[in-house]
C-alpha atoms as a PDB file:
ATOM      1  CA  UNK A   1      14.166  36.158 105.295  1.00  0.00           C
ATOM      2  CA  UNK A   2      14.048  36.875 101.600  1.00  0.00           C
ATOM      3  CA  UNK A   3      10.716  35.978 100.033  1.00  0.00           C
ATOM      4  CA  UNK A   4      11.661  36.223  96.386  1.00  0.00           C
ATOM      5  CA  UNK A   5      14.285  35.484  93.772  1.00  0.00           C
ATOM      6  CA  UNK A   6      14.720  35.570  90.050  1.00  0.00           C
ATOM      7  CA  UNK A   7      16.933  32.771  88.746  1.00  0.00           C
ATOM      8  CA  UNK A   8      18.212  32.232  85.222  1.00  0.00           C
ATOM      9  CA  UNK A   9      20.453  29.664  83.603  1.00  0.00           C
ATOM     10  CA  UNK A  10      23.101  31.757  81.838  1.00  0.00           C
ATOM     11  CA  UNK A  11      24.800  33.282  84.874  1.00  0.00           C
ATOM     12  CA  UNK A  12      21.826  35.597  85.214  1.00  0.00           C
ATOM     13  CA  UNK A  13      20.840  35.946  88.840  1.00  0.00           C
ATOM     14  CA  UNK A  14      18.821  38.922  90.052  1.00  0.00           C
ATOM     15  CA  UNK A  15      17.222  39.472  93.445  1.00  0.00           C
ATOM     16  CA  UNK A  16      13.906  41.267  93.890  1.00  0.00           C
ATOM     17  CA  UNK A  17      11.907  42.317  96.940  1.00  0.00           C
ATOM     18  CA  UNK A  18       8.427  41.009  96.060  1.00  0.00           C
ATOM     19  CA  UNK A  19       6.737  37.880  97.345  1.00  0.00           C
ATOM     20  CA  UNK A  20       7.469  35.466  94.542  1.00  0.00           C
ATOM     21  CA  UNK A  21      10.294  33.495  92.974  1.00  0.00           C
ATOM     22  CA  UNK A  22      10.758  33.221  89.251  1.00  0.00           C
ATOM     23  CA  UNK A  23      12.366  30.364  87.411  1.00  0.00           C
ATOM     24  CA  UNK A  24      13.694  31.584  84.109  1.00  0.00           C
ATOM     25  CA  UNK A  25      14.132  30.491  80.562  1.00  0.00           C
ATOM     26  CA  UNK A  26      15.838  28.063  78.280  1.00  0.00           C
ATOM     27  CA  UNK A  27      18.226  30.527  76.656  1.00  0.00           C
ATOM     28  CA  UNK A  28      19.476  34.074  77.052  1.00  0.00           C
ATOM     29  CA  UNK A  29      17.275  35.271  74.198  1.00  0.00           C
ATOM     30  CA  UNK A  30      14.226  33.868  75.957  1.00  0.00           C
ATOM     31  CA  UNK A  31      15.151  35.234  79.396  1.00  0.00           C
ATOM     32  CA  UNK A  32      12.511  37.962  79.462  1.00  0.00           C
ATOM     33  CA  UNK A  33       9.866  35.909  77.668  1.00  0.00           C
ATOM     34  CA  UNK A  34       9.860  32.769  79.806  1.00  0.00           C
ATOM     35  CA  UNK A  35       9.381  33.235  83.500  1.00  0.00           C
ATOM     36  CA  UNK A  36       6.925  31.993  86.048  1.00  0.00           C
ATOM     37  CA  UNK A  37       6.273  33.484  89.455  1.00  0.00           C
ATOM     38  CA  UNK A  38       6.296  31.007  92.304  1.00  0.00           C
ATOM     39  CA  UNK A  39       4.963  32.397  95.538  1.00  0.00           C
ATOM     40  CA  UNK A  40       6.384  31.189  98.822  1.00  0.00           C
ATOM     41  CA  UNK A  41       5.368  33.975 101.161  1.00  0.00           C
ATOM     42  CA  UNK A  42       2.873  31.533 102.689  1.00  0.00           C
ATOM     43  CA  UNK A  43       5.588  29.011 103.609  1.00  0.00           C
ATOM     44  CA  UNK A  44       8.122  28.662 106.390  1.00  0.00           C
ATOM     45  CA  UNK A  45      10.963  27.486 104.181  1.00  0.00           C
ATOM     46  CA  UNK A  46      13.302  27.009 107.126  1.00  0.00           C
ATOM     47  CA  UNK A  47      11.240  23.936 108.070  1.00  0.00           C
ATOM     48  CA  UNK A  48      11.260  20.723 106.023  1.00  0.00           C
ATOM     49  CA  UNK A  49       7.513  20.773 105.318  1.00  0.00           C
ATOM     50  CA  UNK A  50       7.559  24.303 103.867  1.00  0.00           C
ATOM     51  CA  UNK A  51      10.759  23.642 101.946  1.00  0.00           C
ATOM     52  CA  UNK A  52       9.231  20.514 100.369  1.00  0.00           C
ATOM     53  CA  UNK A  53       6.217  22.493  99.162  1.00  0.00           C
ATOM     54  CA  UNK A  54       8.458  25.217  97.729  1.00  0.00           C
ATOM     55  CA  UNK A  55      10.699  22.650  96.042  1.00  0.00           C
ATOM     56  CA  UNK A  56       7.674  21.101  94.341  1.00  0.00           C
ATOM     57  CA  UNK A  57       6.611  24.542  93.127  1.00  0.00           C
ATOM     58  CA  UNK A  58      10.111  25.356  91.854  1.00  0.00           C
ATOM     59  CA  UNK A  59      10.388  22.034  90.018  1.00  0.00           C
ATOM     60  CA  UNK A  60       7.060  22.602  88.309  1.00  0.00           C
ATOM     61  CA  UNK A  61       8.024  26.143  87.295  1.00  0.00           C
ATOM     62  CA  UNK A  62      11.416  25.013  85.966  1.00  0.00           C
ATOM     63  CA  UNK A  63       9.750  22.257  83.931  1.00  0.00           C
ATOM     64  CA  UNK A  64       7.351  24.756  82.457  1.00  0.00           C
ATOM     65  CA  UNK A  65       9.821  27.513  81.534  1.00  0.00           C
ATOM     66  CA  UNK A  66      12.334  25.015  80.158  1.00  0.00           C
ATOM     67  CA  UNK A  67       9.650  23.220  78.170  1.00  0.00           C
ATOM     68  CA  UNK A  68      10.446  19.813  79.656  1.00  0.00           C
ATOM     69  CA  UNK A  69       8.215  17.288  77.931  1.00  0.00           C
ATOM     70  CA  UNK A  70       8.485  13.637  76.938  1.00  0.00           C
ATOM     71  CA  UNK A  71      10.569  12.785  73.887  1.00  0.00           C
ATOM     72  CA  UNK A  72       7.390  11.720  72.075  1.00  0.00           C
ATOM     73  CA  UNK A  73       6.185  15.332  72.286  1.00  0.00           C
ATOM     74  CA  UNK A  74       9.512  17.089  71.711  1.00  0.00           C
ATOM     75  CA  UNK A  75      10.578  14.807  68.868  1.00  0.00           C
ATOM     76  CA  UNK A  76      14.291  15.591  69.135  1.00  0.00           C
ATOM     77  CA  UNK A  77      16.971  14.245  71.437  1.00  0.00           C
ATOM     78  CA  UNK A  78      18.856  17.533  71.146  1.00  0.00           C
ATOM     79  CA  UNK A  79      15.825  19.575  72.274  1.00  0.00           C
ATOM     80  CA  UNK A  80      15.124  17.092  75.070  1.00  0.00           C
ATOM     81  CA  UNK A  81      18.725  17.350  76.295  1.00  0.00           C
ATOM     82  CA  UNK A  82      18.602  21.158  76.110  1.00  0.00           C
ATOM     83  CA  UNK A  83      15.344  21.242  78.088  1.00  0.00           C
ATOM     84  CA  UNK A  84      16.742  18.914  80.779  1.00  0.00           C
ATOM     85  CA  UNK A  85      19.947  20.957  81.044  1.00  0.00           C
ATOM     86  CA  UNK A  86      17.912  24.157  81.357  1.00  0.00           C
ATOM     87  CA  UNK A  87      15.729  22.536  84.030  1.00  0.00           C
ATOM     88  CA  UNK A  88      18.695  21.386  86.107  1.00  0.00           C
ATOM     89  CA  UNK A  89      20.499  24.732  85.928  1.00  0.00           C
ATOM     90  CA  UNK A  90      17.363  26.746  86.631  1.00  0.00           C
ATOM     91  CA  UNK A  91      16.417  24.626  89.635  1.00  0.00           C
ATOM     92  CA  UNK A  92      19.995  24.653  90.975  1.00  0.00           C
ATOM     93  CA  UNK A  93      20.184  28.441  90.796  1.00  0.00           C
ATOM     94  CA  UNK A  94      16.749  28.948  92.331  1.00  0.00           C
ATOM     95  CA  UNK A  95      17.620  26.708  95.285  1.00  0.00           C
ATOM     96  CA  UNK A  96      21.063  28.259  95.684  1.00  0.00           C
ATOM     97  CA  UNK A  97      19.636  31.767  95.835  1.00  0.00           C
ATOM     98  CA  UNK A  98      16.901  31.097  98.345  1.00  0.00           C
ATOM     99  CA  UNK A  99      18.148  31.343 101.920  1.00  0.00           C
ATOM    100  CA  UNK A 100      16.962  27.982 103.227  1.00  0.00           C
ATOM    101  CA  UNK A 101      19.156  25.146 104.436  1.00  0.00           C
ATOM    102  CA  UNK A 102      16.104  22.850 104.467  1.00  0.00           C
ATOM    103  CA  UNK A 103      15.507  23.579 100.764  1.00  0.00           C
ATOM    104  CA  UNK A 104      19.173  22.945  99.919  1.00  0.00           C
ATOM    105  CA  UNK A 105      19.036  19.603 101.738  1.00  0.00           C
ATOM    106  CA  UNK A 106      15.941  18.529  99.828  1.00  0.00           C
ATOM    107  CA  UNK A 107      17.545  19.513  96.544  1.00  0.00           C
ATOM    108  CA  UNK A 108      20.759  17.610  97.378  1.00  0.00           C
ATOM    109  CA  UNK A 109      18.899  14.390  98.179  1.00  0.00           C
END
């Protein structure tokens, strides 16, 4: 079972062999600057309980790297929309590239 991925939003998907997953950045120019490692070596992601924990970690990482914040903090509908689009694409790619049917089911629901 793979224990790590690197996922990006602009058709940038790279696999690594470490023990962490990285959710990546809001734009291609920020790809190297914005990444967060999300460890899941401690989880059995083939089971629903482990997949739920990983999904929570991935969501949090995607929110952070995509700078998802309330409109009152962002102050621009365009930036808010860009952040939400980044979040959705980043999370989709991270889930897609992790070999776990349980994780895919959680993401689809």
